[in-house]
Amino acid sequence: IAVHPHRWTVPSDTWKRLFESAEREIGIL
């Protein structure tokens, strides 16, 4: 979908939208 050059360049709401989209499984490693 996208490649971000650094983690700090990922928009903060992207993380929340990712987890909000989950209907079955969330995994964090």
PDB file of all heavy atoms in Angstrom:
ATOM      1  N   ILE A   1       0.837  -1.198   0.000  1.00  0.00           N
ATOM      2  CA  ILE A   1       0.000   0.000   0.000  1.00  0.00           C
ATOM      3  C   ILE A   1       0.870   1.246   0.000  1.00  0.00           C
ATOM      4  O   ILE A   1       0.620   2.200  -0.744  1.00  0.00           O
ATOM      5  CB  ILE A   1      -0.931   0.009   1.221  1.00  0.00           C
ATOM      6  CG1 ILE A   1      -1.894  -1.185   1.168  1.00  0.00           C
ATOM      7  CG2 ILE A   1      -1.714   1.326   1.307  1.00  0.00           C
ATOM      8  CD1 ILE A   1      -2.746  -1.326   2.402  1.00  0.00           C
ATOM      9  N   ALA A   2       1.885   1.245   0.858  1.00  0.00           N
ATOM     10  CA  ALA A   2       2.764   2.409   0.961  1.00  0.00           C
ATOM     11  C   ALA A   2       4.085   1.996   1.579  1.00  0.00           C
ATOM     12  O   ALA A   2       4.165   0.992   2.296  1.00  0.00           O
ATOM     13  CB  ALA A   2       2.116   3.503   1.815  1.00  0.00           C
ATOM     14  N   VAL A   3       5.119   2.774   1.288  1.00  0.00           N
ATOM     15  CA  VAL A   3       6.423   2.597   1.914  1.00  0.00           C
ATOM     16  C   VAL A   3       6.806   3.929   2.552  1.00  0.00           C
ATOM     17  O   VAL A   3       6.878   4.957   1.865  1.00  0.00           O
ATOM     18  CB  VAL A   3       7.504   2.174   0.894  1.00  0.00           C
ATOM     19  CG1 VAL A   3       8.867   2.068   1.584  1.00  0.00           C
ATOM     20  CG2 VAL A   3       7.138   0.851   0.231  1.00  0.00           C
ATOM     21  N   HIS A   4       7.030   3.904   3.855  1.00  0.00           N
ATOM     22  CA  HIS A   4       7.410   5.111   4.583  1.00  0.00           C
ATOM     23  C   HIS A   4       8.916   5.048   4.870  1.00  0.00           C
ATOM     24  O   HIS A   4       9.404   4.024   5.349  1.00  0.00           O
ATOM     25  CB  HIS A   4       6.632   5.219   5.892  1.00  0.00           C
ATOM     26  CG  HIS A   4       5.144   5.211   5.711  1.00  0.00           C
ATOM     27  ND1 HIS A   4       4.425   6.350   5.420  1.00  0.00           N
ATOM     28  CD2 HIS A   4       4.246   4.191   5.758  1.00  0.00           C
ATOM     29  CE1 HIS A   4       3.136   6.034   5.321  1.00  0.00           C
ATOM     30  NE2 HIS A   4       3.003   4.740   5.513  1.00  0.00           N
ATOM     31  N   PRO A   5       9.657   6.120   4.601  1.00  0.00           N
ATOM     32  CA  PRO A   5      11.110   6.078   4.765  1.00  0.00           C
ATOM     33  C   PRO A   5      11.564   5.883   6.204  1.00  0.00           C
ATOM     34  O   PRO A   5      12.637   5.334   6.466  1.00  0.00           O
ATOM     35  CB  PRO A   5      11.573   7.428   4.220  1.00  0.00           C
ATOM     36  CG  PRO A   5      10.384   8.315   4.323  1.00  0.00           C
ATOM     37  CD  PRO A   5       9.203   7.425   4.091  1.00  0.00           C
ATOM     38  N   HIS A   6      10.737   6.324   7.165  1.00  0.00           N
ATOM     39  CA  HIS A   6      11.050   6.187   8.586  1.00  0.00           C
ATOM     40  C   HIS A   6       9.751   5.952   9.343  1.00  0.00           C
ATOM     41  O   HIS A   6       8.674   6.385   8.908  1.00  0.00           O
ATOM     42  CB  HIS A   6      11.716   7.455   9.148  1.00  0.00           C
ATOM     43  CG  HIS A   6      12.843   7.970   8.324  1.00  0.00           C
ATOM     44  ND1 HIS A   6      14.086   7.374   8.295  1.00  0.00           N
ATOM     45  CD2 HIS A   6      12.907   9.026   7.473  1.00  0.00           C
ATOM     46  CE1 HIS A   6      14.870   8.045   7.471  1.00  0.00           C
ATOM     47  NE2 HIS A   6      14.174   9.048   6.955  1.00  0.00           N
ATOM     48  N   ARG A   7       9.858   5.287  10.484  1.00  0.00           N
ATOM     49  CA  ARG A   7       8.641   5.066  11.263  1.00  0.00           C
ATOM     50  C   ARG A   7       8.032   6.380  11.726  1.00  0.00           C
ATOM     51  O   ARG A   7       6.808   6.519  11.794  1.00  0.00           O
ATOM     52  CB  ARG A   7       8.948   4.177  12.477  1.00  0.00           C
ATOM     53  CG  ARG A   7       7.668   3.623  13.147  1.00  0.00           C
ATOM     54  CD  ARG A   7       7.980   2.877  14.419  1.00  0.00           C
ATOM     55  NE  ARG A   7       8.397   3.794  15.482  1.00  0.00           N
ATOM     56  CZ  ARG A   7       9.098   3.424  16.541  1.00  0.00           C
ATOM     57  NH1 ARG A   7       9.479   2.163  16.678  1.00  0.00           N
ATOM     58  NH2 ARG A   7       9.418   4.308  17.461  1.00  0.00           N
ATOM     59  N   TRP A   8       8.887   7.365  12.014  1.00  0.00           N
ATOM     60  CA  TRP A   8       8.355   8.635  12.508  1.00  0.00           C
ATOM     61  C   TRP A   8       7.620   9.422  11.423  1.00  0.00           C
ATOM     62  O   TRP A   8       6.922  10.394  11.728  1.00  0.00           O
ATOM     63  CB  TRP A   8       9.455   9.492  13.145  1.00  0.00           C
ATOM     64  CG  TRP A   8      10.637   9.815  12.281  1.00  0.00           C
ATOM     65  CD1 TRP A   8      11.822   9.151  12.228  1.00  0.00           C
ATOM     66  CD2 TRP A   8      10.760  10.906  11.357  1.00  0.00           C
ATOM     67  NE1 TRP A   8      12.683   9.737  11.324  1.00  0.00           N
ATOM     68  CE2 TRP A   8      12.061  10.821  10.791  1.00  0.00           C
ATOM     69  CE3 TRP A   8       9.917  11.943  10.964  1.00  0.00           C
ATOM     70  CZ2 TRP A   8      12.514  11.737   9.825  1.00  0.00           C
ATOM     71  CZ3 TRP A   8      10.379  12.858  10.010  1.00  0.00           C
ATOM     72  CH2 TRP A   8      11.659  12.747   9.466  1.00  0.00           C
ATOM     73  N   THR A   9       7.754   8.997  10.145  1.00  0.00           N
ATOM     74  CA  THR A   9       7.010   9.664   9.072  1.00  0.00           C
ATOM     75  C   THR A   9       5.634   9.036   8.836  1.00  0.00           C
ATOM     76  O   THR A   9       4.852   9.556   8.039  1.00  0.00           O
ATOM     77  CB  THR A   9       7.799   9.643   7.750  1.00  0.00           C
ATOM     78  OG1 THR A   9       7.964   8.282   7.313  1.00  0.00           O
ATOM     79  CG2 THR A   9       9.162  10.289   7.913  1.00  0.00           C
ATOM     80  N   VAL A  10       5.343   7.921   9.503  1.00  0.00           N
ATOM     81  CA  VAL A  10       4.012   7.308   9.375  1.00  0.00           C
ATOM     82  C   VAL A  10       3.013   8.186  10.123  1.00  0.00           C
ATOM     83  O   VAL A  10       3.201   8.465  11.309  1.00  0.00           O
ATOM     84  CB  VAL A  10       3.997   5.889   9.971  1.00  0.00           C
ATOM     85  CG1 VAL A  10       2.605   5.269   9.843  1.00  0.00           C
ATOM     86  CG2 VAL A  10       5.034   5.004   9.298  1.00  0.00           C
ATOM     87  N   PRO A  11       1.952   8.662   9.467  1.00  0.00           N
ATOM     88  CA  PRO A  11       0.963   9.502  10.158  1.00  0.00           C
ATOM     89  C   PRO A  11       0.415   8.810  11.400  1.00  0.00           C
ATOM     90  O   PRO A  11       0.149   7.600  11.383  1.00  0.00           O
ATOM     91  CB  PRO A  11      -0.130   9.697   9.104  1.00  0.00           C
ATOM     92  CG  PRO A  11       0.583   9.523   7.791  1.00  0.00           C
ATOM     93  CD  PRO A  11       1.622   8.464   8.042  1.00  0.00           C
ATOM     94  N   SER A  12       0.267   9.533  12.477  1.00  0.00           N
ATOM     95  CA  SER A  12      -0.152   8.938  13.746  1.00  0.00           C
ATOM     96  C   SER A  12      -1.500   8.232  13.634  1.00  0.00           C
ATOM     97  O   SER A  12      -1.717   7.194  14.272  1.00  0.00           O
ATOM     98  CB  SER A  12      -0.206  10.005  14.839  1.00  0.00           C
ATOM     99  OG  SER A  12      -1.119  11.042  14.496  1.00  0.00           O
ATOM    100  N   ASP A  13      -2.407   8.762  12.819  1.00  0.00           N
ATOM    101  CA  ASP A  13      -3.719   8.124  12.717  1.00  0.00           C
ATOM    102  C   ASP A  13      -3.675   6.833  11.909  1.00  0.00           C
ATOM    103  O   ASP A  13      -4.624   6.042  11.950  1.00  0.00           O
ATOM    104  CB  ASP A  13      -4.755   9.086  12.144  1.00  0.00           C
ATOM    105  CG  ASP A  13      -4.442   9.532  10.724  1.00  0.00           C
ATOM    106  OD1 ASP A  13      -3.295   9.328  10.270  1.00  0.00           O
ATOM    107  OD2 ASP A  13      -5.344  10.092  10.075  1.00  0.00           O
ATOM    108  N   THR A  14      -2.579   6.584  11.179  1.00  0.00           N
ATOM    109  CA  THR A  14      -2.455   5.337  10.419  1.00  0.00           C
ATOM    110  C   THR A  14      -2.433   4.144  11.363  1.00  0.00           C
ATOM    111  O   THR A  14      -3.038   3.099  11.083  1.00  0.00           O
ATOM    112  CB  THR A  14      -1.184   5.349   9.560  1.00  0.00           C
ATOM    113  OG1 THR A  14      -1.301   6.373   8.573  1.00  0.00           O
ATOM    114  CG2 THR A  14      -0.975   4.013   8.854  1.00  0.00           C
ATOM    115  N   TRP A  15      -1.734   4.278  12.485  1.00  0.00           N
ATOM    116  CA  TRP A  15      -1.665   3.178  13.460  1.00  0.00           C
ATOM    117  C   TRP A  15      -3.049   2.887  14.016  1.00  0.00           C
ATOM    118  O   TRP A  15      -3.450   1.712  14.122  1.00  0.00           O
ATOM    119  CB  TRP A  15      -0.707   3.537  14.591  1.00  0.00           C
ATOM    120  CG  TRP A  15       0.682   3.839  14.120  1.00  0.00           C
ATOM    121  CD1 TRP A  15       1.206   5.074  13.819  1.00  0.00           C
ATOM    122  CD2 TRP A  15       1.723   2.889  13.836  1.00  0.00           C
ATOM    123  NE1 TRP A  15       2.502   4.937  13.378  1.00  0.00           N
ATOM    124  CE2 TRP A  15       2.850   3.631  13.387  1.00  0.00           C
ATOM    125  CE3 TRP A  15       1.810   1.510  13.937  1.00  0.00           C
ATOM    126  CZ2 TRP A  15       4.047   3.013  13.033  1.00  0.00           C
ATOM    127  CZ3 TRP A  15       3.007   0.899  13.586  1.00  0.00           C
ATOM    128  CH2 TRP A  15       4.106   1.637  13.138  1.00  0.00           C
ATOM    129  N   LYS A  16      -3.784   3.924  14.359  1.00  0.00           N
ATOM    130  CA  LYS A  16      -5.110   3.724  14.938  1.00  0.00           C
ATOM    131  C   LYS A  16      -6.084   3.160  13.913  1.00  0.00           C
ATOM    132  O   LYS A  16      -6.896   2.282  14.225  1.00  0.00           O
ATOM    133  CB  LYS A  16      -5.628   5.036  15.525  1.00  0.00           C
ATOM    134  CG  LYS A  16      -4.821   5.506  16.729  1.00  0.00           C
ATOM    135  CD  LYS A  16      -5.309   6.837  17.263  1.00  0.00           C
ATOM    136  CE  LYS A  16      -4.434   7.311  18.413  1.00  0.00           C
ATOM    137  NZ  LYS A  16      -4.829   8.643  18.923  1.00  0.00           N
ATOM    138  N   ARG A  17      -6.016   3.657  12.674  1.00  0.00           N
ATOM    139  CA  ARG A  17      -6.905   3.123  11.632  1.00  0.00           C
ATOM    140  C   ARG A  17      -6.607   1.649  11.382  1.00  0.00           C
ATOM    141  O   ARG A  17      -7.527   0.870  11.106  1.00  0.00           O
ATOM    142  CB  ARG A  17      -6.739   3.913  10.338  1.00  0.00           C
ATOM    143  CG  ARG A  17      -7.365   5.300  10.364  1.00  0.00           C
ATOM    144  CD  ARG A  17      -7.662   5.801   8.942  1.00  0.00           C
ATOM    145  NE  ARG A  17      -6.475   5.731   8.101  1.00  0.00           N
ATOM    146  CZ  ARG A  17      -5.591   6.699   7.955  1.00  0.00           C
ATOM    147  NH1 ARG A  17      -5.754   7.844   8.606  1.00  0.00           N
ATOM    148  NH2 ARG A  17      -4.551   6.555   7.167  1.00  0.00           N
ATOM    149  N   LEU A  18      -5.329   1.275  11.467  1.00  0.00           N
ATOM    150  CA  LEU A  18      -4.960  -0.133  11.295  1.00  0.00           C
ATOM    151  C   LEU A  18      -5.673  -0.989  12.327  1.00  0.00           C
ATOM    152  O   LEU A  18      -6.369  -1.961  11.980  1.00  0.00           O
ATOM    153  CB  LEU A  18      -3.447  -0.300  11.418  1.00  0.00           C
ATOM    154  CG  LEU A  18      -2.940  -1.759  11.381  1.00  0.00           C
ATOM    155  CD1 LEU A  18      -2.984  -2.296   9.958  1.00  0.00           C
ATOM    156  CD2 LEU A  18      -1.530  -1.854  11.949  1.00  0.00           C
ATOM    157  N   PHE A  19      -5.535  -0.653  13.605  1.00  0.00           N
ATOM    158  CA  PHE A  19      -6.135  -1.464  14.662  1.00  0.00           C
ATOM    159  C   PHE A  19      -7.652  -1.364  14.663  1.00  0.00           C
ATOM    160  O   PHE A  19      -8.347  -2.337  14.966  1.00  0.00           O
ATOM    161  CB  PHE A  19      -5.562  -1.057  16.020  1.00  0.00           C
ATOM    162  CG  PHE A  19      -4.079  -1.284  16.139  1.00  0.00           C
ATOM    163  CD1 PHE A  19      -3.245  -0.300  16.644  1.00  0.00           C
ATOM    164  CD2 PHE A  19      -3.507  -2.483  15.733  1.00  0.00           C
ATOM    165  CE1 PHE A  19      -1.870  -0.504  16.754  1.00  0.00           C
ATOM    166  CE2 PHE A  19      -2.136  -2.694  15.830  1.00  0.00           C
ATOM    167  CZ  PHE A  19      -1.317  -1.705  16.344  1.00  0.00           C
ATOM    168  N   GLU A  20      -8.175  -0.208  14.310  1.00  0.00           N
ATOM    169  CA  GLU A  20      -9.634  -0.058  14.237  1.00  0.00           C
ATOM    170  C   GLU A  20     -10.250  -0.952  13.171  1.00  0.00           C
ATOM    171  O   GLU A  20     -11.406  -1.364  13.279  1.00  0.00           O
ATOM    172  CB  GLU A  20      -9.994   1.404  13.953  1.00  0.00           C
ATOM    173  CG  GLU A  20      -9.823   2.333  15.144  1.00  0.00           C
ATOM    174  CD  GLU A  20      -9.997   3.790  14.777  1.00  0.00           C
ATOM    175  OE1 GLU A  20     -10.011   4.099  13.553  1.00  0.00           O
ATOM    176  OE2 GLU A  20     -10.098   4.632  15.688  1.00  0.00           O
ATOM    177  N   SER A  21      -9.484  -1.280  12.133  1.00  0.00           N
ATOM    178  CA  SER A  21     -10.004  -2.090  11.031  1.00  0.00           C
ATOM    179  C   SER A  21     -10.130  -3.567  11.392  1.00  0.00           C
ATOM    180  O   SER A  21     -10.796  -4.322  10.693  1.00  0.00           O
ATOM    181  CB  SER A  21      -9.098  -1.950   9.801  1.00  0.00           C
ATOM    182  OG  SER A  21      -7.851  -2.612  10.009  1.00  0.00           O
ATOM    183  N   ALA A  22      -9.498  -3.983  12.485  1.00  0.00           N
ATOM    184  CA  ALA A  22      -9.457  -5.411  12.826  1.00  0.00           C
ATOM    185  C   ALA A  22     -10.829  -5.933  13.242  1.00  0.00           C
ATOM    186  O   ALA A  22     -11.528  -5.306  14.037  1.00  0.00           O
ATOM    187  CB  ALA A  22      -8.449  -5.654  13.944  1.00  0.00           C
ATOM    188  N   GLU A  23     -11.194  -7.078  12.700  1.00  0.00           N
ATOM    189  CA  GLU A  23     -12.434  -7.750  13.081  1.00  0.00           C
ATOM    190  C   GLU A  23     -12.168  -9.116  13.697  1.00  0.00           C
ATOM    191  O   GLU A  23     -13.041  -9.677  14.357  1.00  0.00           O
ATOM    192  CB  GLU A  23     -13.340  -7.907  11.859  1.00  0.00           C
ATOM    193  CG  GLU A  23     -13.786  -6.580  11.251  1.00  0.00           C
ATOM    194  CD  GLU A  23     -14.691  -6.773  10.051  1.00  0.00           C
ATOM    195  OE1 GLU A  23     -14.868  -7.943   9.612  1.00  0.00           O
ATOM    196  OE2 GLU A  23     -15.230  -5.775   9.536  1.00  0.00           O
ATOM    197  N   ARG A  24     -10.959  -9.661  13.477  1.00  0.00           N
ATOM    198  CA  ARG A  24     -10.647 -10.999  13.980  1.00  0.00           C
ATOM    199  C   ARG A  24      -9.374 -11.027  14.826  1.00  0.00           C
ATOM    200  O   ARG A  24      -9.341 -11.690  15.855  1.00  0.00           O
ATOM    201  CB  ARG A  24     -10.463 -11.971  12.809  1.00  0.00           C
ATOM    202  CG  ARG A  24     -11.625 -12.055  11.844  1.00  0.00           C
ATOM    203  CD  ARG A  24     -11.354 -13.074  10.745  1.00  0.00           C
ATOM    204  NE  ARG A  24     -10.071 -12.869  10.079  1.00  0.00           N
ATOM    205  CZ  ARG A  24      -9.871 -12.014   9.077  1.00  0.00           C
ATOM    206  NH1 ARG A  24     -10.875 -11.265   8.635  1.00  0.00           N
ATOM    207  NH2 ARG A  24      -8.671 -11.899   8.500  1.00  0.00           N
ATOM    208  N   GLU A  25      -8.339 -10.333  14.369  1.00  0.00           N
ATOM    209  CA  GLU A  25      -7.009 -10.552  14.932  1.00  0.00           C
ATOM    210  C   GLU A  25      -6.184  -9.281  14.938  1.00  0.00           C
ATOM    211  O   GLU A  25      -6.131  -8.547  13.947  1.00  0.00           O
ATOM    212  CB  GLU A  25      -6.295 -11.610  14.076  1.00  0.00           C
ATOM    213  CG  GLU A  25      -4.829 -11.804  14.376  1.00  0.00           C
ATOM    214  CD  GLU A  25      -4.582 -12.903  15.376  1.00  0.00           C
ATOM    215  OE1 GLU A  25      -5.504 -13.717  15.599  1.00  0.00           O
ATOM    216  OE2 GLU A  25      -3.474 -12.961  15.933  1.00  0.00           O
ATOM    217  N   ILE A  26      -5.545  -9.008  16.069  1.00  0.00           N
ATOM    218  CA  ILE A  26      -4.520  -7.968  16.171  1.00  0.00           C
ATOM    219  C   ILE A  26      -3.265  -8.629  16.725  1.00  0.00           C
ATOM    220  O   ILE A  26      -3.328  -9.359  17.715  1.00  0.00           O
ATOM    221  CB  ILE A  26      -4.959  -6.807  17.089  1.00  0.00           C
ATOM    222  CG1 ILE A  26      -6.076  -5.994  16.437  1.00  0.00           C
ATOM    223  CG2 ILE A  26      -3.772  -5.898  17.433  1.00  0.00           C
ATOM    224  CD1 ILE A  26      -6.657  -4.910  17.333  1.00  0.00           C
ATOM    225  N   GLY A  27      -2.144  -8.389  16.072  1.00  0.00           N
ATOM    226  CA  GLY A  27      -0.880  -8.958  16.539  1.00  0.00           C
ATOM    227  C   GLY A  27       0.206  -7.897  16.529  1.00  0.00           C
ATOM    228  O   GLY A  27       0.360  -7.159  15.551  1.00  0.00           O
ATOM    229  N   ILE A  28       0.956  -7.799  17.623  1.00  0.00           N
ATOM    230  CA  ILE A  28       2.046  -6.837  17.737  1.00  0.00           C
ATOM    231  C   ILE A  28       3.301  -7.587  18.166  1.00  0.00           C
ATOM    232  O   ILE A  28       3.296  -8.256  19.207  1.00  0.00           O
ATOM    233  CB  ILE A  28       1.718  -5.726  18.757  1.00  0.00           C
ATOM    234  CG1 ILE A  28       0.472  -4.938  18.310  1.00  0.00           C
ATOM    235  CG2 ILE A  28       2.911  -4.792  18.952  1.00  0.00           C
ATOM    236  CD1 ILE A  28      -0.012  -3.925  19.336  1.00  0.00           C
ATOM    237  N   LEU A  29       4.347  -7.479  17.363  1.00  0.00           N
ATOM    238  CA  LEU A  29       5.625  -8.129  17.665  1.00  0.00           C
ATOM    239  C   LEU A  29       6.709  -7.057  17.677  1.00  0.00           C
ATOM    240  O   LEU A  29       7.007  -6.459  16.639  1.00  0.00           O
ATOM    241  CB  LEU A  29       5.945  -9.195  16.610  1.00  0.00           C
ATOM    242  CG  LEU A  29       7.367  -9.779  16.632  1.00  0.00           C
ATOM    243  CD1 LEU A  29       7.668 -10.442  17.970  1.00  0.00           C
ATOM    244  CD2 LEU A  29       7.546 -10.785  15.486  1.00  0.00           C
TER     245      LEU A  29
END
